[in-house]
Amino acid sequence: MKNELKEKFIELWNKYFGTAELPIAFYFSESLNNLALVEPPKNWNCLICELAKVRKGESLVFNSESIGCNGAKRYIGYNVEMNPTFRYFLSYGIEGKVRGERYKISPEVVDETQKHLINIPSIGENIIFKRWDKLTESDNPEAVIFFAKPEILSGLFTLANFDQVDPQGVISPFGPGCGSIIHYPYLENSKDNPKCVLGMFDPSARTCVPENTLSFAIPMKKFEKIISYMEESFLITPTWAKARKRFEN
């Protein structure tokens, strides 16, 4: 990624969003890109919790062994086979054997939803996460991910729809937290007119983000366009100046 693009966005972000948190980015790579591989966890852990370190500026690289959640492995593409008990885990469980999260009404509904899951071709590759200001010209992000409060989300949402005739410029598909920031943004980035993804509605991942915070993932192809038109958008109007005061106080 060109350094000029990185610096341009940082300048515009500071200008219109002040001290709001910079986004993080991810991409897949066969190499470690001079980063230390995250060690395999001893117990189950949530990838979203790990990404709190990236939001603070630490770059992280994972492979299939570094991730301690089978759901995350599936949505990232490391594990394309569904565990036979997953259909019960996501629905009403099996008494004494499998805890049921009750996110779906029945195992049969889980089965149908999983039939439509498109696998990401990530087998054998690492997934690298960096905060936007830590990216270098050797990095090639698939998407950028904001963790933001409602007022900032309103700005991102409106920017995403600025050049769109289709009112559905932002989607919010059902799935785990990692699905909303990795799986769906990755798939969207391969499309001619990619959509942004609003997420982090997964109750299991909510404890890994601050209160009143959701995610907003922008495919890189779309993000470059957004950067190009930020200064001709609503951001330069008194309306945004008034809205900005809400998250700067």
Protein backbone atom coordinates (compact mmCIF):
# COMPACT_ATOMS: atom_id res chain seq x y z
CA MET A 1 0.00 0.00 0.00
CA LYS A 2 1.31 3.42 -0.90
CA ASN A 3 2.55 5.51 2.00
CA GLU A 4 0.90 8.59 0.47
CA LEU A 5 -2.53 6.98 0.87
CA LYS A 6 -1.83 6.12 4.50
CA GLU A 7 -0.70 9.63 5.35
CA LYS A 8 -3.56 11.25 3.45
CA PHE A 9 -6.17 9.33 5.42
CA ILE A 10 -4.49 10.09 8.76
CA GLU A 11 -4.50 13.79 7.88
CA LEU A 12 -8.18 13.73 6.88
CA TRP A 13 -9.17 11.61 9.87
CA ASN A 14 -7.50 14.01 12.28
CA LYS A 15 -9.12 16.94 10.50
CA TYR A 16 -12.70 15.65 10.57
CA PHE A 17 -12.73 13.08 13.40
CA GLY A 18 -10.19 14.61 15.76
CA THR A 19 -8.67 12.17 18.21
CA ALA A 20 -11.07 9.32 17.38
CA GLU A 21 -9.43 5.91 17.24
CA LEU A 22 -7.70 4.94 13.99
CA PRO A 23 -8.88 1.77 12.25
CA ILE A 24 -6.96 -1.48 12.05
CA ALA A 25 -6.39 -3.48 8.87
CA PHE A 26 -5.86 -7.13 7.96
CA TYR A 27 -4.53 -9.22 5.09
CA PHE A 28 -3.32 -12.76 4.40
CA SER A 29 0.31 -13.57 3.71
CA GLU A 30 2.48 -16.65 3.28
CA SER A 31 5.27 -14.89 5.20
CA LEU A 32 5.31 -13.45 8.72
CA ASN A 33 6.33 -10.04 7.33
CA ASN A 34 9.02 -9.65 10.00
CA LEU A 35 6.52 -10.13 12.82
CA ALA A 36 6.47 -12.70 15.60
CA LEU A 37 3.76 -15.33 15.28
CA VAL A 38 1.24 -15.30 18.12
CA GLU A 39 1.71 -18.44 20.20
CA PRO A 40 -1.10 -21.01 20.36
CA PRO A 41 -3.36 -20.29 23.36
CA LYS A 42 -3.56 -22.82 26.18
CA ASN A 43 -7.33 -22.43 26.40
CA TRP A 44 -10.20 -21.10 24.30
CA ASN A 45 -9.91 -17.39 23.58
CA CYS A 46 -11.75 -14.87 21.44
CA LEU A 47 -9.91 -13.29 18.53
CA ILE A 48 -11.78 -10.01 19.09
CA CYS A 49 -10.21 -9.77 22.55
CA GLU A 50 -6.75 -10.26 21.03
CA LEU A 51 -7.37 -7.42 18.58
CA ALA A 52 -7.55 -4.95 21.45
CA LYS A 53 -3.74 -5.03 21.32
CA VAL A 54 -3.77 -4.09 17.64
CA ARG A 55 -6.06 -1.17 18.34
CA LYS A 56 -3.39 0.09 20.75
CA GLY A 57 -0.67 -0.16 18.09
CA GLU A 58 0.75 -3.69 18.40
CA SER A 59 0.90 -5.60 15.10
CA LEU A 60 -0.09 -9.28 15.34
CA VAL A 61 0.15 -12.26 13.02
CA PHE A 62 -1.85 -15.46 13.47
CA ASN A 63 -1.94 -18.83 11.75
CA SER A 64 -4.47 -21.60 12.22
CA GLU A 65 -2.75 -22.78 15.40
CA SER A 66 -2.61 -19.30 16.97
CA ILE A 67 -6.38 -18.92 17.07
CA GLY A 68 -8.14 -20.57 19.97
CA CYS A 69 -11.71 -20.44 18.70
CA ASN A 70 -13.05 -22.97 16.18
CA GLY A 71 -15.69 -20.51 15.04
CA ALA A 72 -13.01 -17.95 14.18
CA LYS A 73 -11.00 -20.61 12.35
CA ARG A 74 -14.07 -21.43 10.26
CA TYR A 75 -14.91 -17.83 9.37
CA ILE A 76 -11.28 -17.04 8.56
CA GLY A 77 -11.10 -20.12 6.34
CA TYR A 78 -8.63 -22.23 8.31
CA ASN A 79 -11.19 -24.91 9.13
CA VAL A 80 -13.66 -25.56 6.33
CA GLU A 81 -15.25 -28.58 8.01
CA MET A 82 -17.99 -27.86 10.53
CA ASN A 83 -17.75 -29.65 13.88
CA PRO A 84 -20.75 -32.04 14.16
CA THR A 85 -21.71 -30.49 17.50
CA PHE A 86 -21.67 -26.92 16.17
CA ARG A 87 -25.31 -27.15 15.05
CA TYR A 88 -26.26 -27.82 18.68
CA PHE A 89 -23.86 -25.28 20.15
CA LEU A 90 -25.39 -22.48 18.08
CA SER A 91 -28.94 -23.59 18.91
CA TYR A 92 -30.28 -25.35 22.01
CA GLY A 93 -27.33 -27.62 22.87
CA ILE A 94 -27.24 -31.21 24.08
CA GLU A 95 -28.04 -31.61 27.75
CA GLY A 96 -24.97 -32.57 29.75
CA LYS A 97 -22.73 -32.56 26.66
CA VAL A 98 -22.89 -29.36 24.61
CA ARG A 99 -23.77 -25.88 25.86
CA GLY A 100 -26.33 -24.21 23.64
CA GLU A 101 -25.92 -20.47 22.89
CA ARG A 102 -29.46 -20.33 21.43
CA TYR A 103 -28.48 -17.92 18.66
CA LYS A 104 -30.57 -20.00 16.24
CA ILE A 105 -33.92 -21.66 16.88
CA SER A 106 -32.87 -25.17 15.88
CA PRO A 107 -29.95 -27.27 14.59
CA GLU A 108 -31.74 -27.52 11.24
CA VAL A 109 -31.71 -23.73 10.86
CA VAL A 110 -27.98 -23.76 11.68
CA ASP A 111 -27.43 -26.36 8.97
CA GLU A 112 -29.19 -24.24 6.37
CA THR A 113 -27.26 -21.08 7.26
CA GLN A 114 -23.95 -22.91 7.08
CA LYS A 115 -24.73 -24.17 3.58
CA HIS A 116 -24.42 -20.59 2.35
CA LEU A 117 -21.09 -19.87 4.05
CA ILE A 118 -18.41 -19.18 1.43
CA ASN A 119 -14.96 -20.38 2.43
CA ILE A 120 -12.04 -17.94 2.33
CA PRO A 121 -8.96 -19.43 0.56
CA SER A 122 -6.61 -18.91 3.50
CA ILE A 123 -5.26 -22.42 4.11
CA GLY A 124 -1.48 -22.29 4.66
CA GLU A 125 -1.40 -18.52 5.06
CA ASN A 126 -1.05 -16.18 8.02
CA ILE A 127 -3.47 -13.40 8.83
CA ILE A 128 -1.79 -10.12 9.75
CA PHE A 129 -3.39 -7.29 11.70
CA LYS A 130 -1.96 -3.79 11.93
CA ARG A 131 -3.26 -0.44 13.01
CA TRP A 132 -3.57 1.92 10.05
CA ASP A 133 -0.60 4.10 11.05
CA LYS A 134 1.62 1.00 11.35
CA LEU A 135 1.09 -0.14 7.74
CA THR A 136 4.03 -0.09 5.35
CA GLU A 137 4.33 -0.16 1.57
CA SER A 138 4.83 -3.94 1.71
CA ASP A 139 1.39 -4.42 3.30
CA ASN A 140 -1.64 -5.08 1.14
CA PRO A 141 -4.80 -4.75 3.30
CA GLU A 142 -8.02 -6.50 2.39
CA ALA A 143 -10.13 -4.23 4.60
CA VAL A 144 -9.95 -1.63 7.34
CA ILE A 145 -11.91 -2.04 10.57
CA PHE A 146 -13.17 0.75 12.79
CA PHE A 147 -14.30 0.20 16.35
CA ALA A 148 -16.48 3.21 17.04
CA LYS A 149 -19.31 4.84 18.95
CA PRO A 150 -22.62 5.84 17.29
CA GLU A 151 -21.68 9.41 16.36
CA ILE A 152 -18.54 8.27 14.55
CA LEU A 153 -20.43 5.38 12.97
CA SER A 154 -22.92 7.88 11.58
CA GLY A 155 -20.06 9.59 9.75
CA LEU A 156 -18.63 6.34 8.40
CA PHE A 157 -22.08 5.10 7.36
CA THR A 158 -22.82 8.31 5.46
CA LEU A 159 -19.41 8.28 3.77
CA ALA A 160 -20.03 4.69 2.66
CA ASN A 161 -23.26 5.74 0.93
CA PHE A 162 -22.02 9.07 -0.46
CA ASP A 163 -21.49 7.84 -4.03
CA GLN A 164 -24.14 5.11 -3.98
CA VAL A 165 -27.50 4.96 -5.75
CA ASP A 166 -28.23 1.67 -3.97
CA PRO A 167 -29.44 2.54 -0.44
CA GLN A 168 -27.88 -0.72 0.81
CA GLY A 169 -24.29 0.48 0.76
CA VAL A 170 -23.83 -1.05 4.21
CA ILE A 171 -24.78 -4.60 5.17
CA SER A 172 -25.02 -6.34 8.53
CA PRO A 173 -25.04 -10.11 7.98
CA PHE A 174 -25.59 -12.49 10.88
CA GLY A 175 -22.43 -14.08 12.20
CA PRO A 176 -19.76 -13.97 14.90
CA GLY A 177 -17.71 -10.87 15.60
CA CYS A 178 -14.82 -12.19 13.51
CA GLY A 179 -17.20 -12.84 10.64
CA SER A 180 -18.30 -9.21 10.55
CA ILE A 181 -14.75 -7.82 10.48
CA ILE A 182 -12.92 -10.48 8.43
CA HIS A 183 -15.10 -12.94 6.53
CA TYR A 184 -17.68 -10.66 4.95
CA PRO A 185 -15.37 -7.67 4.29
CA TYR A 186 -12.91 -10.03 2.58
CA LEU A 187 -15.62 -11.41 0.31
CA GLU A 188 -16.92 -7.91 -0.44
CA ASN A 189 -13.45 -6.69 -1.44
CA SER A 190 -13.47 -9.10 -4.39
CA LYS A 191 -16.63 -7.52 -5.82
CA ASP A 192 -16.87 -4.66 -8.31
CA ASN A 193 -18.98 -2.59 -5.94
CA PRO A 194 -18.13 -3.76 -2.43
CA LYS A 195 -20.34 -2.95 0.53
CA CYS A 196 -19.24 -1.98 4.02
CA VAL A 197 -20.09 -4.23 6.96
CA LEU A 198 -21.59 -3.03 10.24
CA GLY A 199 -21.06 -5.57 12.98
CA MET A 200 -20.02 -6.68 16.45
CA PHE A 201 -23.57 -7.62 17.41
CA ASP A 202 -22.41 -11.07 18.51
CA PRO A 203 -23.17 -11.30 22.27
CA SER A 204 -20.21 -13.65 22.71
CA ALA A 205 -17.79 -11.00 21.43
CA ARG A 206 -19.36 -7.98 23.10
CA THR A 207 -17.26 -8.34 26.25
CA CYS A 208 -14.14 -7.81 24.11
CA VAL A 209 -15.10 -4.28 23.05
CA PRO A 210 -16.03 -1.20 25.11
CA GLU A 211 -19.66 -0.31 25.77
CA ASN A 212 -21.47 1.61 23.01
CA THR A 213 -18.98 0.35 20.44
CA LEU A 214 -19.67 -1.45 17.17
CA SER A 215 -17.43 -2.37 14.25
CA PHE A 216 -17.51 -0.89 10.79
CA ALA A 217 -15.42 -2.76 8.22
CA ILE A 218 -14.64 -1.19 4.86
CA PRO A 219 -13.21 -3.30 2.01
CA MET A 220 -9.97 -1.72 0.83
CA LYS A 221 -11.25 -1.17 -2.68
CA LYS A 222 -14.11 0.91 -1.24
CA PHE A 223 -11.90 2.62 1.35
CA GLU A 224 -9.63 4.11 -1.31
CA LYS A 225 -12.69 5.68 -2.95
CA ILE A 226 -13.92 7.05 0.38
CA ILE A 227 -10.57 8.73 1.02
CA SER A 228 -10.76 10.36 -2.43
CA TYR A 229 -14.09 12.07 -1.76
CA MET A 230 -14.00 12.85 1.97
CA GLU A 231 -13.32 16.54 1.35
CA GLU A 232 -16.29 17.01 -0.95
CA SER A 233 -18.68 15.23 1.39
CA PHE A 234 -20.84 16.34 4.33
CA LEU A 235 -17.69 16.40 6.46
CA ILE A 236 -17.02 19.99 5.34
CA THR A 237 -20.49 21.23 6.39
CA PRO A 238 -21.73 22.91 9.60
CA THR A 239 -23.93 19.84 10.13
CA TRP A 240 -20.90 17.62 10.70
CA ALA A 241 -19.19 20.29 12.80
CA LYS A 242 -22.18 20.17 15.14
CA ALA A 243 -22.29 16.35 15.17
CA ARG A 244 -18.56 16.19 15.86
CA LYS A 245 -18.97 18.04 19.15
CA ARG A 246 -20.92 15.06 20.48
CA PHE A 247 -17.95 12.70 20.36
CA GLU A 248 -15.27 15.26 21.13
CA ASN A 249 -16.76 16.18 24.52
